């Protein structure tokens, strides 16, 4: 019975070591690249690669929801504080899409 405990203890230690190594690897994994742009005195940061944007954009039902998901809740609040018009939202949306590698309105049809 003592040997069984040693084996179990050794297995537990090996498992803990593997989990610690996996956690260390996850922390050292390269974070997605980001891009920044300025709008009305605030610097926004978004994923630079379209493949790194949140998957929630696939479930968005409007352009407003798409942009909100890309910039995230905190930055969306900052944008909303500017009390934007629909025209200004369009400008902001173009900046978000360009910065996140998706082009802008002038890229359509190319």
Protein backbone atom coordinates (compact mmCIF):
# COMPACT_ATOMS: atom_id res chain seq x y z
CA UNK A 1 0.00 0.00 0.00
CA UNK A 2 2.86 2.38 0.67
CA UNK A 3 4.18 1.85 -2.85
CA UNK A 4 0.77 2.67 -4.29
CA UNK A 5 0.79 5.98 -2.49
CA UNK A 6 4.24 6.81 -3.81
CA UNK A 7 3.12 6.04 -7.35
CA UNK A 8 -0.01 8.10 -6.92
CA UNK A 9 2.02 10.91 -5.38
CA UNK A 10 4.55 10.72 -8.20
CA UNK A 11 1.76 10.81 -10.79
CA UNK A 12 0.19 13.80 -9.06
CA UNK A 13 3.54 15.60 -8.98
CA UNK A 14 4.14 14.86 -12.67
CA UNK A 15 0.64 16.09 -13.54
CA UNK A 16 1.15 19.26 -11.50
CA UNK A 17 4.46 19.88 -13.26
CA UNK A 18 2.82 19.47 -16.68
CA UNK A 19 0.00 21.83 -15.73
CA UNK A 20 2.48 24.42 -14.45
CA UNK A 21 4.47 24.13 -17.69
CA UNK A 22 1.31 24.53 -19.79
CA UNK A 23 0.32 27.61 -17.79
CA UNK A 24 3.81 29.04 -18.24
CA UNK A 25 3.63 28.38 -22.00
CA UNK A 26 0.21 30.07 -22.21
CA UNK A 27 1.54 33.16 -20.43
CA UNK A 28 4.53 33.32 -22.75
CA UNK A 29 2.46 32.72 -25.88
CA UNK A 30 2.53 35.69 -28.20
CA UNK A 31 -0.46 37.94 -27.72
CA UNK A 32 -2.33 38.98 -30.84
CA UNK A 33 -0.92 42.09 -32.50
CA UNK A 34 -2.92 45.25 -32.04
CA UNK A 35 -3.33 48.47 -33.96
CA UNK A 36 -4.17 51.88 -32.59
CA UNK A 37 -5.89 54.95 -33.97
CA UNK A 38 -6.96 58.28 -32.54
CA UNK A 39 -10.47 59.63 -32.63
CA UNK A 40 -11.62 62.81 -30.90
CA UNK A 41 -8.71 62.87 -28.46
CA UNK A 42 -8.84 59.22 -27.41
CA UNK A 43 -6.53 56.43 -28.60
CA UNK A 44 -8.32 53.20 -29.43
CA UNK A 45 -6.68 49.78 -29.62
CA UNK A 46 -8.10 46.93 -31.70
CA UNK A 47 -6.80 43.57 -32.95
CA UNK A 48 -4.66 44.20 -36.05
CA UNK A 49 -5.60 40.90 -37.70
CA UNK A 50 -9.23 40.17 -38.66
CA UNK A 51 -8.76 36.61 -37.41
CA UNK A 52 -8.12 37.95 -33.90
CA UNK A 53 -11.35 39.91 -33.53
CA UNK A 54 -13.89 38.45 -31.09
CA UNK A 55 -16.05 35.70 -32.52
CA UNK A 56 -19.12 37.51 -31.21
CA UNK A 57 -19.04 39.67 -34.35
CA UNK A 58 -20.44 36.66 -36.21
CA UNK A 59 -23.58 36.92 -34.09
CA UNK A 60 -23.94 40.70 -34.34
CA UNK A 61 -27.16 41.90 -35.90
CA UNK A 62 -26.01 45.41 -36.84
CA UNK A 63 -22.91 47.38 -37.73
CA UNK A 64 -23.17 49.05 -34.32
CA UNK A 65 -22.86 45.68 -32.58
CA UNK A 66 -19.94 44.65 -34.80
CA UNK A 67 -17.97 47.80 -34.01
CA UNK A 68 -18.86 47.52 -30.32
CA UNK A 69 -17.49 43.95 -30.21
CA UNK A 70 -14.28 44.88 -32.02
CA UNK A 71 -13.43 47.85 -29.77
CA UNK A 72 -14.69 46.20 -26.58
CA UNK A 73 -16.97 47.57 -23.88
CA UNK A 74 -14.61 50.08 -22.26
CA UNK A 75 -13.59 51.73 -25.52
CA UNK A 76 -17.19 51.68 -26.75
CA UNK A 77 -18.17 53.71 -23.67
CA UNK A 78 -15.42 56.23 -24.49
CA UNK A 79 -16.71 56.55 -28.04
CA UNK A 80 -20.31 56.98 -26.85
CA UNK A 81 -19.18 59.76 -24.49
CA UNK A 82 -18.45 61.86 -27.60
CA UNK A 83 -22.21 61.87 -28.35
CA UNK A 84 -21.56 60.95 -31.99
CA UNK A 85 -23.85 61.54 -34.92
CA UNK A 86 -24.55 58.78 -37.44
CA UNK A 87 -21.99 60.43 -39.76
CA UNK A 88 -19.38 60.38 -36.98
CA UNK A 89 -20.19 56.75 -36.26
CA UNK A 90 -19.48 56.02 -39.93
CA UNK A 91 -16.11 57.75 -39.68
CA UNK A 92 -15.31 55.87 -36.47
CA UNK A 93 -16.46 52.59 -38.01
CA UNK A 94 -14.13 53.12 -41.00
CA UNK A 95 -11.20 53.73 -38.64
CA UNK A 96 -12.00 50.59 -36.62
CA UNK A 97 -12.29 48.42 -39.72
CA UNK A 98 -9.07 49.78 -41.26
CA UNK A 99 -7.13 49.35 -38.02
CA UNK A 100 -8.39 45.78 -37.62
CA UNK A 101 -7.25 44.84 -41.12
CA UNK A 102 -10.67 44.83 -42.74
CA UNK A 103 -10.35 47.91 -44.92
CA UNK A 104 -12.78 50.76 -45.07
CA UNK A 105 -15.57 52.10 -47.23
CA UNK A 106 -13.24 53.11 -50.08
CA UNK A 107 -11.91 49.52 -50.25
CA UNK A 108 -15.32 48.11 -51.18
CA UNK A 109 -15.53 46.75 -54.69
CA UNK A 110 -11.76 46.34 -55.09
